[in-house]
């Protein structure tokens, strides 16, 4: 299953037109997808807007009418401003003698009265292209529909009034009992708060060329994906089998970050975790995570320390003093090892973008949205995703863009995580995630799969905690990791 932003969906529609489909053909294919969801209804009201979402509704109405069902179409908008496809299907409906009413100041009250005569109302007012508050007759109609509690409401593609990228209503919004969405899941639907507007969401794919991967739409990472990719422990394995990783993390002011990352790596299955840090961090490490080893940090990493390591984590709780800058710069310039770059190391890297030009080993960057703005500028979620894909491709990195339904991309493929929740908005979560990803990277997973698995597993642990807790605390996530990994591979 794929999920897309409104901008990506607009490009998808245009790409289909570029492939040679006409807009009328695409509308016909869309209504074919919708038809099966209305077999049990006999009396159907379709509320259509002036654009292509409205055309989908009118085309659906024509097919239902030809099946012998009672259909009325209520059209909102001026006839001289209908889209090309809308005009095409409006003329067909008119020629067939389907009851088509244009809603204006005189007929809007008639519309409200007539609603009681139907079993289902189809919301075909506006699709994912809507980007402003509802007003005028549209606002009145949406409120009227919502006031009729005894009639089923089915939305085509997305409920009118719902922001397709954030899942928040602009002002008023259709409350549907079912939403039949086309092509891909809308990014909005990953926001669980949207369920009060969407009801059940059903994805339907048009009988047209599949362009999901060509346009880098994000795959949704679920339990099937992780079960296929997570490896079982081998019969004759030992600690050397599961990687030796180095954490360059923590400082005297941020001891906890290093401790959480280290323990997360150990619990995710690393064979040996060595923490290169300050004396105070090392003193605490033996109590918090006795399974990890330690190295007192010098100004630069020596070849001896690095030689046998399968992966590095750098940045979590490192601080931003002069020594940290020198250490990060020298490590990124000179160390050719698979690496997770997190926290303060991201800040230093953002100030020195020339470092991207020289690396050949895999890099995984784990910024949250605020940290990502230090690398590129964007103004909303949709443009952020476009920038993330471009950034990862141009800089040859795996980008883990943390936030709700964390976004992961290598610039060519993209993924959206299906686990995680708002209870996880607590300190140290990023450090735990960085430790988990670095552990998987050191165990031999590809950088992309290490990132995806780490993010999914991290959120899965948080989801279990959120069932019984208002907040999920970082160290509790760590305690659940081994059990959740076992649950996945069973």
Protein backbone atom coordinates (compact mmCIF):
# COMPACT_ATOMS: atom_id res chain seq x y z
CA UNK A 1 0.00 0.00 0.00
CA UNK A 2 1.22 3.49 -0.86
CA UNK A 3 0.63 6.89 0.71
CA UNK A 4 1.05 10.26 -0.98
CA UNK A 5 0.92 14.00 -0.39
CA UNK A 6 -1.46 16.22 -2.34
CA UNK A 7 1.41 17.49 -4.51
CA UNK A 8 2.45 13.94 -5.37
CA UNK A 9 -1.13 13.05 -6.28
CA UNK A 10 -1.39 16.03 -8.60
CA UNK A 11 1.80 14.92 -10.32
CA UNK A 12 0.43 11.37 -10.51
CA UNK A 13 -2.71 12.57 -12.31
CA UNK A 14 -0.63 14.63 -14.71
CA UNK A 15 1.69 11.68 -15.34
CA UNK A 16 -1.29 9.54 -16.35
CA UNK A 17 -2.38 12.24 -18.78
CA UNK A 18 1.16 12.32 -20.14
CA UNK A 19 0.92 8.56 -20.67
CA UNK A 20 -1.93 9.21 -23.12
CA UNK A 21 -5.05 8.75 -21.01
CA UNK A 22 -7.70 11.42 -21.41
CA UNK A 23 -9.25 13.01 -18.34
CA UNK A 24 -12.61 11.54 -19.36
CA UNK A 25 -11.09 8.05 -19.44
CA UNK A 26 -9.57 8.50 -15.99
CA UNK A 27 -12.90 9.65 -14.57
CA UNK A 28 -14.59 6.61 -16.14
CA UNK A 29 -12.01 4.32 -14.53
CA UNK A 30 -12.51 6.07 -11.18
CA UNK A 31 -16.27 5.55 -11.25
CA UNK A 32 -15.72 1.89 -12.16
CA UNK A 33 -13.79 1.55 -8.88
CA UNK A 34 -16.59 3.20 -6.94
CA UNK A 35 -19.51 1.29 -8.40
CA UNK A 36 -19.26 -1.87 -6.29
CA UNK A 37 -19.63 0.10 -3.06
CA UNK A 38 -23.20 1.15 -3.93
CA UNK A 39 -24.78 -2.17 -4.89
CA UNK A 40 -26.92 -2.38 -1.74
CA UNK A 41 -28.44 1.09 -2.18
CA UNK A 42 -31.48 1.83 -4.34
CA UNK A 43 -31.96 5.58 -3.78
CA UNK A 44 -28.76 7.59 -4.12
CA UNK A 45 -28.07 11.32 -3.85
CA UNK A 46 -24.80 12.56 -5.36
CA UNK A 47 -23.55 15.99 -4.33
CA UNK A 48 -21.11 17.11 -6.98
CA UNK A 49 -18.64 19.97 -7.14
CA UNK A 50 -17.45 21.70 -10.32
CA UNK A 51 -14.11 19.89 -10.65
CA UNK A 52 -12.89 16.41 -11.44
CA UNK A 53 -13.98 14.99 -8.09
CA UNK A 54 -17.44 16.11 -9.05
CA UNK A 55 -17.00 14.47 -12.45
CA UNK A 56 -16.24 11.19 -10.66
CA UNK A 57 -19.53 11.55 -8.83
CA UNK A 58 -21.57 12.33 -11.95
CA UNK A 59 -19.99 9.42 -13.85
CA UNK A 60 -20.85 7.17 -10.93
CA UNK A 61 -24.41 8.48 -10.96
CA UNK A 62 -24.78 7.67 -14.67
CA UNK A 63 -23.70 4.06 -14.14
CA UNK A 64 -25.99 3.63 -11.13
CA UNK A 65 -28.90 5.12 -13.09
CA UNK A 66 -28.25 2.69 -15.94
CA UNK A 67 -28.44 -0.15 -13.41
CA UNK A 68 -31.99 0.91 -12.60
CA UNK A 69 -31.33 2.76 -9.36
CA UNK A 70 -32.95 6.06 -8.37
CA UNK A 71 -30.30 8.74 -8.70
CA UNK A 72 -30.35 12.49 -8.18
CA UNK A 73 -27.35 14.73 -8.73
CA UNK A 74 -27.07 18.06 -6.94
CA UNK A 75 -24.43 20.23 -8.58
CA UNK A 76 -22.67 23.03 -6.71
CA UNK A 77 -21.01 25.66 -8.87
CA UNK A 78 -21.66 27.73 -11.95
CA UNK A 79 -22.28 25.78 -15.15
CA UNK A 80 -19.89 27.95 -17.13
CA UNK A 81 -17.05 27.09 -14.73
CA UNK A 82 -17.23 23.30 -14.77
CA UNK A 83 -14.04 21.38 -15.49
CA UNK A 84 -13.71 19.68 -18.88
CA UNK A 85 -14.51 16.24 -17.49
CA UNK A 86 -17.33 17.58 -15.33
CA UNK A 87 -18.96 19.26 -18.34
CA UNK A 88 -18.60 16.05 -20.37
CA UNK A 89 -20.39 13.88 -17.81
CA UNK A 90 -22.90 16.59 -16.89
CA UNK A 91 -24.05 16.66 -20.53
CA UNK A 92 -24.34 12.86 -20.55
CA UNK A 93 -26.44 12.87 -17.38
CA UNK A 94 -28.68 15.57 -18.83
CA UNK A 95 -29.18 13.62 -22.07
CA UNK A 96 -30.12 10.48 -20.14
CA UNK A 97 -32.77 12.38 -18.22
CA UNK A 98 -31.13 11.97 -14.81
CA UNK A 99 -32.47 14.40 -12.24
CA UNK A 100 -29.77 17.07 -12.01
CA UNK A 101 -30.35 20.07 -9.74
CA UNK A 102 -28.07 23.10 -9.60
CA UNK A 103 -27.86 24.44 -6.07
CA UNK A 104 -28.31 28.18 -5.68
CA UNK A 105 -29.95 30.56 -3.21
CA UNK A 106 -33.41 29.38 -4.24
CA UNK A 107 -32.79 25.61 -4.25
CA UNK A 108 -30.48 25.08 -1.27
CA UNK A 109 -33.36 24.64 1.17
CA UNK A 110 -35.02 22.20 -1.23
CA UNK A 111 -31.78 20.21 -1.17
CA UNK A 112 -31.95 19.89 2.61
CA UNK A 113 -35.55 18.70 2.49
CA UNK A 114 -34.91 16.18 -0.29
CA UNK A 115 -32.08 14.46 1.58
CA UNK A 116 -34.57 12.47 3.64
CA UNK A 117 -35.76 10.68 0.49
CA UNK A 118 -32.39 8.93 -0.07
CA UNK A 119 -30.48 6.08 1.54
CA UNK A 120 -27.00 7.41 0.88
CA UNK A 121 -25.37 10.75 0.12
CA UNK A 122 -22.21 10.71 -2.00
CA UNK A 123 -19.72 13.48 -1.22
CA UNK A 124 -18.17 14.39 -4.58
CA UNK A 125 -17.79 18.09 -3.81
CA UNK A 126 -14.02 18.53 -3.71
CA UNK A 127 -11.08 16.15 -3.75
CA UNK A 128 -7.51 16.53 -2.55
CA UNK A 129 -7.09 19.79 -4.46
CA UNK A 130 -9.05 21.82 -1.91
CA UNK A 131 -6.70 24.09 0.04
CA UNK A 132 -8.90 26.63 1.83
CA UNK A 133 -11.82 27.02 4.20
CA UNK A 134 -15.29 26.11 3.03
CA UNK A 135 -17.61 29.02 2.41
CA UNK A 136 -20.91 29.96 0.80
CA UNK A 137 -23.19 27.19 -0.39
CA UNK A 138 -20.51 24.52 0.06
CA UNK A 139 -20.22 25.30 3.76
CA UNK A 140 -24.00 25.23 4.14
CA UNK A 141 -24.29 21.93 2.28
CA UNK A 142 -21.59 20.25 4.35
CA UNK A 143 -23.32 21.32 7.56
CA UNK A 144 -26.69 20.12 6.24
CA UNK A 145 -25.28 16.71 5.34
CA UNK A 146 -23.68 16.35 8.76
CA UNK A 147 -27.00 17.14 10.44
CA UNK A 148 -28.71 14.12 8.83
CA UNK A 149 -27.64 11.31 11.14
CA UNK A 150 -29.88 8.61 9.64
CA UNK A 151 -28.38 8.66 6.12
CA UNK A 152 -25.15 6.96 5.08
CA UNK A 153 -22.51 9.37 3.80
CA UNK A 154 -19.77 8.06 1.50
CA UNK A 155 -16.94 10.36 0.47
CA UNK A 156 -15.12 9.99 -2.84
CA UNK A 157 -11.34 10.18 -2.39
CA UNK A 158 -11.39 12.41 0.71
CA UNK A 159 -14.12 14.05 2.81
CA UNK A 160 -14.75 17.60 1.67
CA UNK A 161 -13.10 20.07 4.03
CA UNK A 162 -10.29 17.79 5.24
CA UNK A 163 -6.72 18.93 4.62
CA UNK A 164 -5.21 16.05 2.57
CA UNK A 165 -1.75 16.44 4.11
CA UNK A 166 -2.38 17.20 7.78
CA UNK A 167 -5.68 15.46 8.46
CA UNK A 168 -7.10 18.60 10.04
CA UNK A 169 -10.35 20.15 8.80
CA UNK A 170 -10.10 23.63 7.30
CA UNK A 171 -13.22 24.73 9.17
CA UNK A 172 -16.22 22.47 8.61
CA UNK A 173 -15.76 18.98 7.17
CA UNK A 174 -17.94 16.14 5.91
CA UNK A 175 -18.25 13.33 8.46
CA UNK A 176 -18.46 10.18 6.34
CA UNK A 177 -19.13 6.65 7.44
CA UNK A 178 -16.92 5.42 4.56
CA UNK A 179 -14.30 7.03 2.34
CA UNK A 180 -13.37 5.39 -0.96
CA UNK A 181 -9.95 6.79 -1.77
CA UNK A 182 -8.28 6.43 -5.15
CA UNK A 183 -4.70 5.77 -6.33
CA UNK A 184 -3.02 5.97 -2.89
CA UNK A 185 -3.80 6.63 0.73
CA UNK A 186 -3.80 10.33 1.48
CA UNK A 187 -1.14 11.44 3.95
CA UNK A 188 -3.96 12.83 6.10
CA UNK A 189 -5.32 9.36 6.75
CA UNK A 190 -2.24 8.38 8.74
CA UNK A 191 -3.42 10.87 11.36
CA UNK A 192 -5.68 8.69 13.50
CA UNK A 193 -7.75 11.74 14.48
CA UNK A 194 -9.17 11.80 10.93
CA UNK A 195 -11.25 8.68 11.53
CA UNK A 196 -14.12 10.79 12.84
CA UNK A 197 -14.30 12.38 9.37
CA UNK A 198 -13.36 9.48 7.08
CA UNK A 199 -15.01 6.54 8.78
CA UNK A 200 -13.78 3.33 7.15
CA UNK A 201 -11.19 4.05 4.46
CA UNK A 202 -11.09 1.78 1.42
CA UNK A 203 -8.33 2.12 -1.18
CA UNK A 204 -9.21 1.47 -4.83
CA UNK A 205 -6.71 1.47 -7.72
CA UNK A 206 -7.65 2.63 -11.19
CA UNK A 207 -7.26 0.18 -14.07
CA UNK A 208 -4.39 2.25 -15.48
CA UNK A 209 -0.62 2.16 -15.62
CA UNK A 210 0.88 1.91 -12.13
CA UNK A 211 3.24 4.83 -11.49
CA UNK A 212 3.64 4.54 -7.71
CA UNK A 213 7.34 3.73 -7.76
CA UNK A 214 8.13 5.97 -10.73
CA UNK A 215 6.90 8.96 -8.72
CA UNK A 216 8.44 7.85 -5.40
CA UNK A 217 5.19 7.42 -3.53
CA UNK A 218 5.86 6.07 -0.06
CA UNK A 219 5.21 2.45 0.82
CA UNK A 220 3.57 1.92 4.18
CA UNK A 221 5.77 -0.24 6.42
CA UNK A 222 3.65 -2.83 8.19
CA UNK A 223 4.02 -6.13 10.03
CA UNK A 224 4.28 -8.11 6.77
CA UNK A 225 7.25 -6.05 5.58
CA UNK A 226 9.10 -6.36 8.86
CA UNK A 227 8.39 -10.07 9.25
CA UNK A 228 9.93 -10.66 5.83
CA UNK A 229 13.05 -8.57 6.50
CA UNK A 230 13.88 -9.22 10.17
CA UNK A 231 16.40 -12.06 10.46
CA UNK A 232 16.25 -14.88 12.97
CA UNK A 233 19.28 -15.54 15.19
CA UNK A 234 21.49 -18.26 13.72
CA UNK A 235 22.17 -21.60 15.43
CA UNK A 236 25.94 -21.17 15.72
CA UNK A 237 26.00 -17.40 16.24
CA UNK A 238 28.19 -15.64 18.79
CA UNK A 239 28.78 -12.02 19.75
CA UNK A 240 31.07 -11.50 16.77
CA UNK A 241 28.26 -12.62 14.46
CA UNK A 242 26.08 -9.68 15.42
CA UNK A 243 28.44 -6.80 14.88
CA UNK A 244 30.83 -4.61 16.77
CA UNK A 245 29.62 -1.03 16.85
CA UNK A 246 31.08 2.18 18.18
CA UNK A 247 29.02 4.97 19.71
CA UNK A 248 30.63 8.41 19.71
CA UNK A 249 28.01 9.92 21.96
CA UNK A 250 27.33 11.83 25.15
CA UNK A 251 29.18 14.45 27.15
CA UNK A 252 29.22 15.53 30.77
CA UNK A 253 26.11 17.66 30.22
CA UNK A 254 24.15 15.01 28.27
CA UNK A 255 24.98 11.71 29.91
CA UNK A 256 21.57 10.14 29.39
CA UNK A 257 21.67 10.31 25.59
CA UNK A 258 24.73 8.07 25.41
CA UNK A 259 23.35 5.64 27.98
CA UNK A 260 20.00 5.26 26.25
CA UNK A 261 21.55 4.78 22.82
CA UNK A 262 23.99 2.17 24.14
CA UNK A 263 21.37 0.12 25.94
CA UNK A 264 19.05 0.32 22.91
CA UNK A 265 21.82 -1.13 20.73
CA UNK A 266 22.51 -3.94 23.18
CA UNK A 267 18.83 -4.84 23.47
CA UNK A 268 18.38 -4.73 19.67
CA UNK A 269 20.94 -7.51 19.42
CA UNK A 270 24.39 -6.06 18.82
CA UNK A 271 27.26 -8.39 19.67
CA UNK A 272 29.55 -5.70 21.11
CA UNK A 273 28.70 -2.06 21.82
CA UNK A 274 31.59 0.26 22.67
CA UNK A 275 30.82 3.77 23.90
CA UNK A 276 33.48 6.37 23.20
CA UNK A 277 32.70 9.20 25.57
CA UNK A 278 33.69 11.28 28.58
CA UNK A 279 34.67 9.96 31.99
CA UNK A 280 31.33 10.82 33.59
CA UNK A 281 29.41 8.98 30.89
CA UNK A 282 31.68 5.97 31.27
CA UNK A 283 31.20 5.91 35.03
CA UNK A 284 27.42 5.83 34.59
CA UNK A 285 27.53 3.30 31.78
CA UNK A 286 28.65 0.42 33.98
CA UNK A 287 25.53 0.84 36.12
CA UNK A 288 22.95 1.58 33.42
CA UNK A 289 24.21 -0.86 30.79
CA UNK A 290 26.97 -3.16 32.06
CA UNK A 291 26.88 -5.15 28.81
CA UNK A 292 28.46 -2.22 26.90
CA UNK A 293 32.19 -1.52 26.87
CA UNK A 294 33.74 1.93 26.98
CA UNK A 295 36.59 4.00 25.56
CA UNK A 296 37.66 7.36 26.95
CA UNK A 297 37.20 9.85 24.14
CA UNK A 298 40.15 11.69 22.61
CA UNK A 299 40.05 14.63 20.20
CA UNK A 300 40.00 12.27 17.20
CA UNK A 301 39.23 8.60 16.69
CA UNK A 302 42.28 6.43 16.19
CA UNK A 303 42.54 3.75 13.53
CA UNK A 304 42.91 1.15 16.28
CA UNK A 305 39.50 2.03 17.72
CA UNK A 306 37.79 1.97 14.34
CA UNK A 307 39.48 -0.97 12.63
CA UNK A 308 37.23 -3.83 13.75
CA UNK A 309 33.96 -1.90 13.98
CA UNK A 310 31.11 -2.73 11.62
CA UNK A 311 29.21 0.53 12.15
CA UNK A 312 29.28 3.84 14.03
CA UNK A 313 26.79 6.10 15.73
CA UNK A 314 27.88 9.69 16.18
CA UNK A 315 26.19 12.71 17.69
CA UNK A 316 23.62 11.72 20.32
CA UNK A 317 24.20 14.05 23.27
CA UNK A 318 27.65 14.98 21.98
CA UNK A 319 27.39 18.70 22.65
CA UNK A 320 28.52 21.59 20.45
CA UNK A 321 31.85 22.66 21.90
CA UNK A 322 35.07 23.05 19.90
CA UNK A 323 36.20 19.51 20.63
CA UNK A 324 32.91 18.11 19.34
CA UNK A 325 33.21 20.09 16.12
CA UNK A 326 36.74 18.82 15.52
CA UNK A 327 35.76 15.25 16.33
CA UNK A 328 32.70 15.21 14.07
CA UNK A 329 34.47 16.88 11.17
CA UNK A 330 37.45 14.53 11.32
CA UNK A 331 35.21 11.47 11.66
CA UNK A 332 32.98 12.39 8.72
CA UNK A 333 35.98 13.28 6.57
CA UNK A 334 38.20 10.32 7.34
CA UNK A 335 36.21 7.32 8.60
CA UNK A 336 34.86 5.06 5.88
CA UNK A 337 32.37 3.00 7.88
CA UNK A 338 28.57 2.65 7.79
CA UNK A 339 27.37 5.42 10.05
CA UNK A 340 24.29 6.79 11.81
CA UNK A 341 24.52 10.57 12.19
CA UNK A 342 22.26 11.94 14.89
CA UNK A 343 21.73 14.87 17.23
CA UNK A 344 24.57 17.37 17.51
CA UNK A 345 26.49 15.74 14.67
CA UNK A 346 23.60 16.71 12.37
CA UNK A 347 23.98 20.34 13.43
CA UNK A 348 27.68 20.27 12.63
CA UNK A 349 27.10 18.51 9.31
CA UNK A 350 24.47 21.09 8.32
CA UNK A 351 27.09 23.81 8.81
CA UNK A 352 29.59 21.89 6.67
CA UNK A 353 27.61 20.51 3.69
CA UNK A 354 30.78 19.95 1.66
CA UNK A 355 31.26 16.78 3.74
CA UNK A 356 28.54 15.09 1.70
CA UNK A 357 30.78 15.08 -1.37
CA UNK A 358 33.36 12.63 -0.10
CA UNK A 359 31.64 9.82 1.76
CA UNK A 360 31.36 6.39 0.15
CA UNK A 361 30.15 4.23 3.04
CA UNK A 362 26.42 4.33 3.89
CA UNK A 363 25.24 7.28 5.98
CA UNK A 364 21.91 7.33 7.81
CA UNK A 365 20.76 10.77 8.93
CA UNK A 366 18.06 10.94 11.63
CA UNK A 367 16.77 14.55 11.87
CA UNK A 368 13.41 15.64 13.15
CA UNK A 369 11.65 18.29 11.09
CA UNK A 370 13.31 21.21 12.85
CA UNK A 371 16.77 19.73 12.33
CA UNK A 372 16.00 19.01 8.68
CA UNK A 373 15.28 22.72 8.14
CA UNK A 374 18.96 23.34 8.82
CA UNK A 375 19.70 21.45 5.60
CA UNK A 376 16.86 22.64 3.34
CA UNK A 377 13.92 25.03 3.49
CA UNK A 378 10.28 24.00 3.14
CA UNK A 379 6.94 25.58 4.02
CA UNK A 380 4.62 22.63 4.67
CA UNK A 381 4.51 18.86 5.00
CA UNK A 382 3.98 18.26 1.30
CA UNK A 383 6.99 20.33 0.21
CA UNK A 384 9.05 18.79 3.03
CA UNK A 385 8.56 15.34 1.52
CA UNK A 386 9.61 16.53 -1.93
CA UNK A 387 12.70 18.15 -0.42
CA UNK A 388 13.51 15.03 1.60
CA UNK A 389 13.51 12.80 -1.48
CA UNK A 390 15.64 15.25 -3.43
CA UNK A 391 18.05 15.75 -0.54
CA UNK A 392 18.59 12.01 0.01
CA UNK A 393 19.15 11.37 -3.68
CA UNK A 394 21.57 14.25 -4.21
CA UNK A 395 23.62 13.49 -1.10
CA UNK A 396 23.54 9.68 -1.34
CA UNK A 397 22.18 9.17 2.17
CA UNK A 398 19.35 7.37 3.90
CA UNK A 399 17.15 10.02 5.47
CA UNK A 400 15.04 9.18 8.51
CA UNK A 401 12.76 12.18 8.89
CA UNK A 402 11.35 11.76 12.38
CA UNK A 403 7.81 12.74 13.25
CA UNK A 404 4.32 11.25 13.05
CA UNK A 405 4.57 8.25 10.70
CA UNK A 406 8.30 8.79 10.25
CA UNK A 407 9.37 9.14 6.61
CA UNK A 408 12.36 7.16 5.32
CA UNK A 409 13.94 7.54 1.88
CA UNK A 410 17.11 6.89 -0.06
CA UNK A 411 16.00 9.36 -2.73
CA UNK A 412 14.57 6.66 -4.97
CA UNK A 413 12.30 4.61 -2.75
CA UNK A 414 10.26 6.07 0.09
CA UNK A 415 8.57 4.56 3.13
CA UNK A 416 6.08 5.67 5.77
CA UNK A 417 6.08 3.99 9.15
CA UNK A 418 2.79 2.64 10.46
CA UNK A 419 3.74 2.43 14.15
CA UNK A 420 4.29 5.05 16.84
CA UNK A 421 1.97 7.42 18.66
CA UNK A 422 1.71 10.71 20.51
CA UNK A 423 2.53 9.10 23.87
CA UNK A 424 6.12 8.83 22.59
CA UNK A 425 6.67 12.59 22.62
CA UNK A 426 9.13 12.37 25.50
CA UNK A 427 12.82 13.03 26.05
CA UNK A 428 15.36 10.50 24.84
CA UNK A 429 13.23 8.86 22.16
CA UNK A 430 15.58 9.95 19.39
CA UNK A 431 18.60 8.55 21.24
CA UNK A 432 16.88 5.18 21.63
CA UNK A 433 15.99 5.14 17.92
CA UNK A 434 19.55 6.02 16.91
CA UNK A 435 20.87 3.18 19.06
CA UNK A 436 18.42 0.72 17.51
CA UNK A 437 19.23 1.72 13.92
CA UNK A 438 22.99 1.62 14.53
CA UNK A 439 22.63 -1.84 16.05
CA UNK A 440 20.83 -3.18 12.97
CA UNK A 441 23.33 -1.46 10.68
CA UNK A 442 26.18 -3.14 12.54
CA UNK A 443 24.46 -6.52 12.34
CA UNK A 444 24.73 -6.43 8.56
CA UNK A 445 21.38 -5.08 7.44
CA UNK A 446 21.49 -2.68 4.51
CA UNK A 447 21.35 0.95 5.56
CA UNK A 448 17.84 1.34 4.17
CA UNK A 449 16.49 -1.78 5.88
CA UNK A 450 18.25 -0.95 9.15
CA UNK A 451 16.54 2.43 9.17
CA UNK A 452 13.10 1.04 8.31
CA UNK A 453 13.27 -1.83 10.80
CA UNK A 454 14.57 0.40 13.57
CA UNK A 455 11.81 2.95 13.09
CA UNK A 456 9.07 0.31 12.91
CA UNK A 457 10.29 -1.60 15.96
CA UNK A 458 10.74 1.62 17.95
CA UNK A 459 7.14 2.63 17.25
CA UNK A 460 5.85 -0.87 17.92
CA UNK A 461 7.26 -0.78 21.44
CA UNK A 462 5.71 2.64 21.95
CA UNK A 463 2.33 1.41 20.74
CA UNK A 464 2.27 -1.31 23.38
CA UNK A 465 3.13 1.16 26.14
CA UNK A 466 0.46 3.60 24.98
CA UNK A 467 -2.24 1.00 25.60
CA UNK A 468 -1.83 1.39 29.35
CA UNK A 469 0.13 4.65 29.79
CA UNK A 470 -0.46 8.33 29.09
CA UNK A 471 3.24 8.74 28.20
CA UNK A 472 5.81 6.24 26.99
CA UNK A 473 9.20 6.74 28.65
CA UNK A 474 12.37 6.09 26.66
CA UNK A 475 13.92 3.45 28.90
CA UNK A 476 10.63 1.52 28.81
CA UNK A 477 10.89 1.32 25.03
CA UNK A 478 14.27 -0.37 25.40
CA UNK A 479 12.96 -2.99 27.78
CA UNK A 480 10.37 -4.11 25.22
CA UNK A 481 12.71 -4.42 22.22
CA UNK A 482 13.76 -8.10 22.57
CA UNK A 483 10.19 -9.30 23.09
CA UNK A 484 8.83 -7.32 20.14
CA UNK A 485 11.59 -8.63 17.86
CA UNK A 486 10.64 -12.15 18.87
CA UNK A 487 6.96 -11.44 18.25
CA UNK A 488 7.77 -10.30 14.70
CA UNK A 489 9.72 -13.40 13.66
CA UNK A 490 7.36 -15.95 15.27
